[in-house]
Amino acid sequence: MARRIGFGWYFSHPDSKYFAVAQIQRDQVEDYALRKGMTPAEVERWLAPNLGYDAD
């Protein structure tokens, strides 16, 4: 069984500013699904915690 290992260098700076990413809207899901060759329902399932609307 193949295993994956991830590592990297992480740098921080005391003057760094971070921002939150807003919830994903239906038009973004539809566009992403089209570009990935998936159905919007599949994308909604994978991105459910980040949706800014009720997928039902």
C-alpha atoms as a PDB file:
ATOM      1  CA  MET A   1       0.000   0.000   0.000  1.00  0.00           C
ATOM      2  CA  ALA A   2       1.426   3.351  -1.011  1.00  0.00           C
ATOM      3  CA  ARG A   3       1.737   5.964   1.699  1.00  0.00           C
ATOM      4  CA  ARG A   4       1.774   9.703   1.295  1.00  0.00           C
ATOM      5  CA  ILE A   5       3.901  12.026   3.294  1.00  0.00           C
ATOM      6  CA  GLY A   6       3.422  15.759   3.225  1.00  0.00           C
ATOM      7  CA  PHE A   7       5.761  18.346   4.593  1.00  0.00           C
ATOM      8  CA  GLY A   8       6.765  21.885   3.911  1.00  0.00           C
ATOM      9  CA  TRP A   9       8.271  25.051   5.218  1.00  0.00           C
ATOM     10  CA  TYR A  10       5.908  27.359   7.035  1.00  0.00           C
ATOM     11  CA  PHE A  11       6.893  30.952   7.580  1.00  0.00           C
ATOM     12  CA  SER A  12       5.121  33.484   9.720  1.00  0.00           C
ATOM     13  CA  HIS A  13       5.527  37.164  10.304  1.00  0.00           C
ATOM     14  CA  PRO A  14       4.136  39.238  13.180  1.00  0.00           C
ATOM     15  CA  ASP A  15       2.645  41.736  10.709  1.00  0.00           C
ATOM     16  CA  SER A  16       0.839  39.028   8.713  1.00  0.00           C
ATOM     17  CA  LYS A  17      -2.862  39.534   8.121  1.00  0.00           C
ATOM     18  CA  TYR A  18      -5.189  36.641   7.404  1.00  0.00           C
ATOM     19  CA  PHE A  19      -8.678  36.650   5.949  1.00  0.00           C
ATOM     20  CA  ALA A  20     -11.627  34.306   6.011  1.00  0.00           C
ATOM     21  CA  VAL A  21     -13.023  32.833   2.842  1.00  0.00           C
ATOM     22  CA  ALA A  22     -16.767  33.359   2.407  1.00  0.00           C
ATOM     23  CA  GLN A  23     -19.260  30.570   1.911  1.00  0.00           C
ATOM     24  CA  ILE A  24     -19.551  29.104  -1.603  1.00  0.00           C
ATOM     25  CA  GLN A  25     -22.678  30.122  -3.527  1.00  0.00           C
ATOM     26  CA  ARG A  26     -24.747  28.090  -6.001  1.00  0.00           C
ATOM     27  CA  ASP A  27     -23.365  29.843  -9.109  1.00  0.00           C
ATOM     28  CA  GLN A  28     -19.825  28.991  -7.991  1.00  0.00           C
ATOM     29  CA  VAL A  29     -20.789  25.341  -7.428  1.00  0.00           C
ATOM     30  CA  GLU A  30     -22.389  25.131 -10.880  1.00  0.00           C
ATOM     31  CA  ASP A  31     -19.340  26.691 -12.555  1.00  0.00           C
ATOM     32  CA  TYR A  32     -16.926  24.418 -10.675  1.00  0.00           C
ATOM     33  CA  ALA A  33     -19.006  21.318 -11.498  1.00  0.00           C
ATOM     34  CA  LEU A  34     -19.003  22.224 -15.189  1.00  0.00           C
ATOM     35  CA  ARG A  35     -15.234  22.740 -15.247  1.00  0.00           C
ATOM     36  CA  LYS A  36     -14.564  19.489 -13.341  1.00  0.00           C
ATOM     37  CA  GLY A  37     -17.036  17.376 -15.345  1.00  0.00           C
ATOM     38  CA  MET A  38     -19.097  16.644 -12.236  1.00  0.00           C
ATOM     39  CA  THR A  39     -22.740  17.178 -11.387  1.00  0.00           C
ATOM     40  CA  PRO A  40     -23.637  20.043  -9.061  1.00  0.00           C
ATOM     41  CA  ALA A  41     -25.000  17.448  -6.606  1.00  0.00           C
ATOM     42  CA  GLU A  42     -21.589  15.731  -6.434  1.00  0.00           C
ATOM     43  CA  VAL A  43     -19.836  19.034  -5.819  1.00  0.00           C
ATOM     44  CA  GLU A  44     -22.390  19.965  -3.154  1.00  0.00           C
ATOM     45  CA  ARG A  45     -21.748  16.666  -1.389  1.00  0.00           C
ATOM     46  CA  TRP A  46     -17.984  17.243  -1.325  1.00  0.00           C
ATOM     47  CA  LEU A  47     -18.193  20.914  -0.376  1.00  0.00           C
ATOM     48  CA  ALA A  48     -21.221  20.699   1.950  1.00  0.00           C
ATOM     49  CA  PRO A  49     -19.504  22.312   4.980  1.00  0.00           C
ATOM     50  CA  ASN A  50     -18.587  25.330   2.857  1.00  0.00           C
ATOM     51  CA  LEU A  51     -21.920  25.953   1.130  1.00  0.00           C
ATOM     52  CA  GLY A  52     -23.629  29.280   1.723  1.00  0.00           C
ATOM     53  CA  TYR A  53     -27.069  27.879   0.849  1.00  0.00           C
ATOM     54  CA  ASP A  54     -29.246  24.862   1.613  1.00  0.00           C
ATOM     55  CA  ALA A  55     -28.462  22.215  -1.019  1.00  0.00           C
ATOM     56  CA  ASP A  56     -31.721  20.307  -0.433  1.00  0.00           C
END
